[in-house]
Amino acid sequence: QVQLVESGGGLVQAGGSLRLSCAASGITFSTNAMGWFRQAPGKEREFVAAISWNGAGTYYADSLKGRFTISRDNAKNTVYLQMNNLKFEDTAVYYCAVGTRGFGPSLKTKSGYAYWGQGTQVTVSS
């Protein structure tokens, strides 16, 4: 049984930082690409970042490059999302997900993922 548990969300002032974590179980974590998505109220779930199985390759949403950093620790079966200089518009539920195939552009779409976590709320106050 695959489980993805996100943590690290919360309330932060604009300009602040948060680091999200996603602990995975039930999969061979070190062989899977991983990704982060987010969904704001009334909006579609959108791609944030993805990382290859060994961390050598990453994708980011263009609008988030330079502020968000994805990383992973295969020894801990955990993927991270460091978010800096947070803005009000970053408020959303953040989800991690397990990629279905190797590292490629499909990871920028929801269809590129097989399993999803329950999400963690990030609220940025202006």
Foldseek 3Di string as FASTA:
>chain_A
DKAWDKDFADEAAQQAKIKMKIAIPPDLQLQWKKFKWWDDPPDDIFGAKIAFSNRPDMDGDPVQPPFWDWGDDSVRNMIMIIGGRDDQVVWTWMKMFTADDGDDPCNRDPVRGDDIHPTDTHGYHD
